[in-house]
Structure formats: structure tokens, C-alpha cells
Amino acid sequence: MKKKLLLALACIMLASAFLFGFSACSEGGRTGTSVQLNVKYIPDGYVNAEEGERPYYMFTSSSRGRYFYYSKTTDSTWHYTIKFVYKIVGDSLVCFFDSVEYEDDHNGPDVSSDWEAVFSAADRDILVKESFSTVYYSKSIYINENYLDEIPNFGK
């Protein structure tokens, strides 16, 4: 009886080890990316801008986030927050409009409901957004606000 109990425990432990090993292998070979939740991703050109005046992306759950934008010219003020739904596809991250909230001082044009943002590369520290058209190409880099501590001289 003791031998059967020991054999059963040994089998259970062996099975657990195999399951743990297989799950670790599948995670290690996984493609895709992740973002850090509830942290601002700030455009590289705005790292020294005042809080409340710099745009940012923030991912609030595994499928939702928000984009804050503020810009003021002599003629208009753009001041709004877009709420979006996002999906990670391979190494890319795609955001789709869900709703928008305008601040009281906003007097610029309305945000279109077909607003979208596509990041060609994304990880916990950096998002890379590339825009192509027949006229121009641009690249924007968004930096996780916590990662800025690791690059203290950037933008100074």
C-alpha cells in the first residue's frame, strides 16, 4: 500500500514537472508583445513638456486604452481624450476609436470616429508609430514614462 501511494505521488510530481516545462517552453517561444498598463507612453519630442500639455497613450486593460491630446495655437485649442479598443497582432499594436471626451476649452475640429493608430513595434518600454502616405513618411517614438529613468539624459 505504501509503495502504491509513493508511486502515485511520484507520478503526480512527474506529470506536474512536465506540464510546467511545456508551459514554460510555449511562453518562451511565443510571438507578440505586451504593453505596461496604466503608465503613460509619451512622444519623444514631448518628454520635457509640462504635465497636461503633452500627448500620451495609456493602456488601461488588456484591450482598452486612451489617448490624451493637447495643442494650443493663436486660433484654436485642441484638448481631448480618445478612448480606444486595441489588439496586439504579432509585434504590432492596433488601436480603434471607441469614444472621445472634449475638455471645455476645446474649440478645434471634432475627432473622426474612424480614428485609428497603428504601432509597427511595441513593447513594455517603447512604441514605434510609422505613418506612410503618397506624400510623406514619418516615425514617432513613444517612451514609457518609467523607462525615462533608465535614459536620464535623453531630451535634456
C-alpha atoms as a PDB file:
ATOM      1  CA  MET A   1       0.000   0.000   0.000  1.00  0.00           C
ATOM      2  CA  LYS A   2       2.834   2.382   0.881  1.00  0.00           C
ATOM      3  CA  LYS A   3       4.593   1.607  -2.393  1.00  0.00           C
ATOM      4  CA  LYS A   4       1.449   2.357  -4.415  1.00  0.00           C
ATOM      5  CA  LEU A   5       0.985   5.688  -2.602  1.00  0.00           C
ATOM      6  CA  LEU A   6       4.625   6.655  -3.190  1.00  0.00           C
ATOM      7  CA  LEU A   7       4.371   5.599  -6.827  1.00  0.00           C
ATOM      8  CA  ALA A   8       1.183   7.681  -7.265  1.00  0.00           C
ATOM      9  CA  LEU A   9       2.854  10.738  -5.656  1.00  0.00           C
ATOM     10  CA  ALA A  10       5.918  10.280  -7.867  1.00  0.00           C
ATOM     11  CA  CYS A  11       3.698  10.118 -10.972  1.00  0.00           C
ATOM     12  CA  ILE A  12       1.827  13.261  -9.927  1.00  0.00           C
ATOM     13  CA  MET A  13       5.078  15.127  -9.334  1.00  0.00           C
ATOM     14  CA  LEU A  14       6.482  13.950 -12.660  1.00  0.00           C
ATOM     15  CA  ALA A  15       3.316  14.997 -14.509  1.00  0.00           C
ATOM     16  CA  SER A  16       3.427  18.418 -12.815  1.00  0.00           C
ATOM     17  CA  ALA A  17       7.048  18.866 -13.846  1.00  0.00           C
ATOM     18  CA  PHE A  18       6.209  18.022 -17.465  1.00  0.00           C
ATOM     19  CA  LEU A  19       3.243  20.406 -17.524  1.00  0.00           C
ATOM     20  CA  PHE A  20       5.311  23.201 -16.023  1.00  0.00           C
ATOM     21  CA  GLY A  21       8.108  22.541 -18.518  1.00  0.00           C
ATOM     22  CA  PHE A  22       5.778  22.534 -21.518  1.00  0.00           C
ATOM     23  CA  SER A  23       4.050  25.732 -20.436  1.00  0.00           C
ATOM     24  CA  ALA A  24       7.408  27.456 -19.962  1.00  0.00           C
ATOM     25  CA  CYS A  25       8.506  26.372 -23.443  1.00  0.00           C
ATOM     26  CA  SER A  26       5.338  27.630 -25.072  1.00  0.00           C
ATOM     27  CA  GLU A  27       5.638  31.025 -23.349  1.00  0.00           C
ATOM     28  CA  GLY A  28       9.291  31.368 -24.315  1.00  0.00           C
ATOM     29  CA  GLY A  29       8.578  30.699 -27.969  1.00  0.00           C
ATOM     30  CA  ARG A  30       5.561  32.971 -28.083  1.00  0.00           C
ATOM     31  CA  THR A  31       5.468  35.776 -30.594  1.00  0.00           C
ATOM     32  CA  GLY A  32       3.786  39.047 -29.919  1.00  0.00           C
ATOM     33  CA  THR A  33       4.240  41.839 -27.485  1.00  0.00           C
ATOM     34  CA  SER A  34       2.775  43.452 -24.434  1.00  0.00           C
ATOM     35  CA  VAL A  35       2.408  46.933 -23.051  1.00  0.00           C
ATOM     36  CA  GLN A  36       2.546  48.135 -19.499  1.00  0.00           C
ATOM     37  CA  LEU A  37      -0.870  49.041 -18.124  1.00  0.00           C
ATOM     38  CA  ASN A  38      -1.763  52.377 -16.511  1.00  0.00           C
ATOM     39  CA  VAL A  39       1.517  54.036 -17.497  1.00  0.00           C
ATOM     40  CA  LYS A  40       1.891  56.924 -19.947  1.00  0.00           C
ATOM     41  CA  TYR A  41       3.713  56.431 -23.239  1.00  0.00           C
ATOM     42  CA  ILE A  42       4.997  59.908 -24.114  1.00  0.00           C
ATOM     43  CA  PRO A  43       6.190  61.051 -27.571  1.00  0.00           C
ATOM     44  CA  ASP A  44       9.970  61.500 -27.655  1.00  0.00           C
ATOM     45  CA  GLY A  45       9.656  65.186 -28.582  1.00  0.00           C
ATOM     46  CA  TYR A  46       7.482  65.931 -25.537  1.00  0.00           C
ATOM     47  CA  VAL A  47       9.423  64.332 -22.678  1.00  0.00           C
ATOM     48  CA  ASN A  48      10.198  67.770 -21.201  1.00  0.00           C
ATOM     49  CA  ALA A  49       6.767  69.315 -21.835  1.00  0.00           C
ATOM     50  CA  GLU A  50       4.592  70.294 -18.908  1.00  0.00           C
ATOM     51  CA  GLU A  51       2.228  67.688 -17.483  1.00  0.00           C
ATOM     52  CA  GLY A  52      -1.200  68.283 -19.035  1.00  0.00           C
ATOM     53  CA  GLU A  53       0.327  69.696 -22.223  1.00  0.00           C
ATOM     54  CA  ARG A  54       1.999  66.579 -23.584  1.00  0.00           C
ATOM     55  CA  PRO A  55       0.141  63.910 -25.509  1.00  0.00           C
ATOM     56  CA  TYR A  56       0.283  60.321 -24.337  1.00  0.00           C
ATOM     57  CA  TYR A  57      -1.129  56.850 -24.833  1.00  0.00           C
ATOM     58  CA  MET A  58      -2.189  54.824 -21.808  1.00  0.00           C
ATOM     59  CA  PHE A  59      -3.356  51.223 -21.884  1.00  0.00           C
ATOM     60  CA  THR A  60      -5.864  50.649 -19.090  1.00  0.00           C
ATOM     61  CA  SER A  61      -6.668  46.972 -19.626  1.00  0.00           C
ATOM     62  CA  SER A  62      -5.732  44.114 -21.932  1.00  0.00           C
ATOM     63  CA  SER A  63      -7.979  45.553 -24.662  1.00  0.00           C
ATOM     64  CA  ARG A  64      -8.693  49.217 -23.870  1.00  0.00           C
ATOM     65  CA  GLY A  65      -6.816  52.468 -23.533  1.00  0.00           C
ATOM     66  CA  ARG A  66      -6.910  56.216 -24.010  1.00  0.00           C
ATOM     67  CA  TYR A  67      -5.028  58.838 -25.963  1.00  0.00           C
ATOM     68  CA  PHE A  68      -4.719  62.329 -24.474  1.00  0.00           C
ATOM     69  CA  TYR A  69      -4.019  65.267 -26.782  1.00  0.00           C
ATOM     70  CA  TYR A  70      -3.481  68.967 -26.089  1.00  0.00           C
ATOM     71  CA  SER A  71      -2.340  71.666 -28.509  1.00  0.00           C
ATOM     72  CA  LYS A  72      -2.924  75.407 -28.418  1.00  0.00           C
ATOM     73  CA  THR A  73      -2.356  77.921 -31.206  1.00  0.00           C
ATOM     74  CA  THR A  74      -3.428  81.535 -31.546  1.00  0.00           C
ATOM     75  CA  ASP A  75      -6.594  80.386 -33.322  1.00  0.00           C
ATOM     76  CA  SER A  76      -7.633  77.158 -31.632  1.00  0.00           C
ATOM     77  CA  THR A  77      -7.222  74.746 -28.764  1.00  0.00           C
ATOM     78  CA  TRP A  78      -7.304  71.002 -29.279  1.00  0.00           C
ATOM     79  CA  HIS A  79      -7.908  69.368 -25.924  1.00  0.00           C
ATOM     80  CA  TYR A  80      -9.456  65.909 -25.799  1.00  0.00           C
ATOM     81  CA  THR A  81      -9.104  62.298 -24.737  1.00  0.00           C
ATOM     82  CA  ILE A  82      -9.875  59.466 -27.129  1.00  0.00           C
ATOM     83  CA  LYS A  83     -10.892  56.154 -25.626  1.00  0.00           C
ATOM     84  CA  PHE A  84      -9.932  53.231 -27.820  1.00  0.00           C
ATOM     85  CA  VAL A  85     -10.019  49.468 -28.163  1.00  0.00           C
ATOM     86  CA  TYR A  86      -6.741  47.809 -29.110  1.00  0.00           C
ATOM     87  CA  LYS A  87      -5.415  44.494 -30.283  1.00  0.00           C
ATOM     88  CA  ILE A  88      -1.883  43.170 -30.407  1.00  0.00           C
ATOM     89  CA  VAL A  89      -1.140  41.399 -33.692  1.00  0.00           C
ATOM     90  CA  GLY A  90       2.332  39.836 -33.748  1.00  0.00           C
ATOM     91  CA  ASP A  91       4.722  42.677 -32.934  1.00  0.00           C
ATOM     92  CA  SER A  92       2.208  45.358 -33.934  1.00  0.00           C
ATOM     93  CA  LEU A  93      -0.430  47.102 -31.879  1.00  0.00           C
ATOM     94  CA  VAL A  94      -3.607  48.456 -33.490  1.00  0.00           C
ATOM     95  CA  CYS A  95      -5.949  50.957 -31.803  1.00  0.00           C
ATOM     96  CA  PHE A  96      -9.541  51.720 -32.906  1.00  0.00           C
ATOM     97  CA  PHE A  97     -11.777  54.634 -31.883  1.00  0.00           C
ATOM     98  CA  ASP A  98     -14.359  53.936 -29.195  1.00  0.00           C
ATOM     99  CA  SER A  99     -15.354  57.397 -27.925  1.00  0.00           C
ATOM    100  CA  VAL A 100     -13.986  60.877 -27.297  1.00  0.00           C
ATOM    101  CA  GLU A 101     -14.266  63.355 -24.427  1.00  0.00           C
ATOM    102  CA  TYR A 102     -13.649  67.055 -25.144  1.00  0.00           C
ATOM    103  CA  GLU A 103     -12.411  69.474 -22.494  1.00  0.00           C
ATOM    104  CA  ASP A 104     -14.262  72.781 -22.040  1.00  0.00           C
ATOM    105  CA  ASP A 105     -11.529  74.795 -23.783  1.00  0.00           C
ATOM    106  CA  HIS A 106     -11.542  72.592 -26.918  1.00  0.00           C
ATOM    107  CA  ASN A 107     -12.562  74.594 -29.999  1.00  0.00           C
ATOM    108  CA  GLY A 108     -10.753  72.652 -32.730  1.00  0.00           C
ATOM    109  CA  PRO A 109     -12.365  70.207 -35.120  1.00  0.00           C
ATOM    110  CA  ASP A 110     -14.060  67.075 -33.860  1.00  0.00           C
ATOM    111  CA  VAL A 111     -12.204  63.773 -33.834  1.00  0.00           C
ATOM    112  CA  SER A 112     -13.430  61.408 -36.525  1.00  0.00           C
ATOM    113  CA  SER A 113     -14.931  58.094 -35.438  1.00  0.00           C
ATOM    114  CA  ASP A 114     -12.618  56.338 -37.905  1.00  0.00           C
ATOM    115  CA  TRP A 115      -9.562  57.448 -35.863  1.00  0.00           C
ATOM    116  CA  GLU A 116      -7.006  54.682 -35.562  1.00  0.00           C
ATOM    117  CA  ALA A 117      -3.392  54.293 -34.539  1.00  0.00           C
ATOM    118  CA  VAL A 118      -1.014  51.553 -35.623  1.00  0.00           C
ATOM    119  CA  PHE A 119       2.286  50.878 -33.895  1.00  0.00           C
ATOM    120  CA  SER A 120       4.658  48.811 -36.028  1.00  0.00           C
ATOM    121  CA  ALA A 121       6.648  47.732 -32.987  1.00  0.00           C
ATOM    122  CA  ALA A 122       5.708  47.735 -29.342  1.00  0.00           C
ATOM    123  CA  ASP A 123       6.986  46.513 -26.016  1.00  0.00           C
ATOM    124  CA  ARG A 124       6.772  47.479 -22.377  1.00  0.00           C
ATOM    125  CA  ASP A 125       9.216  50.386 -22.825  1.00  0.00           C
ATOM    126  CA  ILE A 126       8.791  51.765 -26.343  1.00  0.00           C
ATOM    127  CA  LEU A 127       6.107  52.094 -29.033  1.00  0.00           C
ATOM    128  CA  VAL A 128       7.058  52.909 -32.638  1.00  0.00           C
ATOM    129  CA  LYS A 129       4.421  54.519 -34.834  1.00  0.00           C
ATOM    130  CA  GLU A 130       5.109  54.818 -38.556  1.00  0.00           C
ATOM    131  CA  SER A 131       2.924  56.770 -40.960  1.00  0.00           C
ATOM    132  CA  PHE A 132       3.043  56.351 -44.731  1.00  0.00           C
ATOM    133  CA  SER A 133       1.291  58.273 -47.447  1.00  0.00           C
ATOM    134  CA  THR A 134       1.966  59.158 -51.045  1.00  0.00           C
ATOM    135  CA  VAL A 135       3.401  62.468 -49.841  1.00  0.00           C
ATOM    136  CA  TYR A 136       5.413  61.679 -46.709  1.00  0.00           C
ATOM    137  CA  TYR A 137       6.776  59.151 -44.252  1.00  0.00           C
ATOM    138  CA  SER A 138       7.090  59.818 -40.539  1.00  0.00           C
ATOM    139  CA  LYS A 139       8.101  57.874 -37.477  1.00  0.00           C
ATOM    140  CA  SER A 140       7.170  58.674 -33.891  1.00  0.00           C
ATOM    141  CA  ILE A 141       8.583  57.032 -30.814  1.00  0.00           C
ATOM    142  CA  TYR A 142       6.564  56.857 -27.604  1.00  0.00           C
ATOM    143  CA  ILE A 143       8.512  56.158 -24.413  1.00  0.00           C
ATOM    144  CA  ASN A 144       7.119  54.555 -21.258  1.00  0.00           C
ATOM    145  CA  GLU A 145       7.397  57.209 -18.528  1.00  0.00           C
ATOM    146  CA  ASN A 146       9.073  54.678 -16.205  1.00  0.00           C
ATOM    147  CA  TYR A 147      11.693  53.845 -18.836  1.00  0.00           C
ATOM    148  CA  LEU A 148      12.729  57.520 -18.977  1.00  0.00           C
ATOM    149  CA  ASP A 149      14.551  56.925 -15.658  1.00  0.00           C
ATOM    150  CA  GLU A 150      16.840  54.483 -17.496  1.00  0.00           C
ATOM    151  CA  ILE A 151      17.745  57.106 -20.121  1.00  0.00           C
ATOM    152  CA  PRO A 152      18.125  60.201 -17.872  1.00  0.00           C
ATOM    153  CA  ASN A 153      20.000  62.375 -20.400  1.00  0.00           C
ATOM    154  CA  PHE A 154      17.527  61.830 -23.260  1.00  0.00           C
ATOM    155  CA  GLY A 155      15.883  65.089 -24.341  1.00  0.00           C
ATOM    156  CA  LYS A 156      17.848  67.238 -21.894  1.00  0.00           C
END
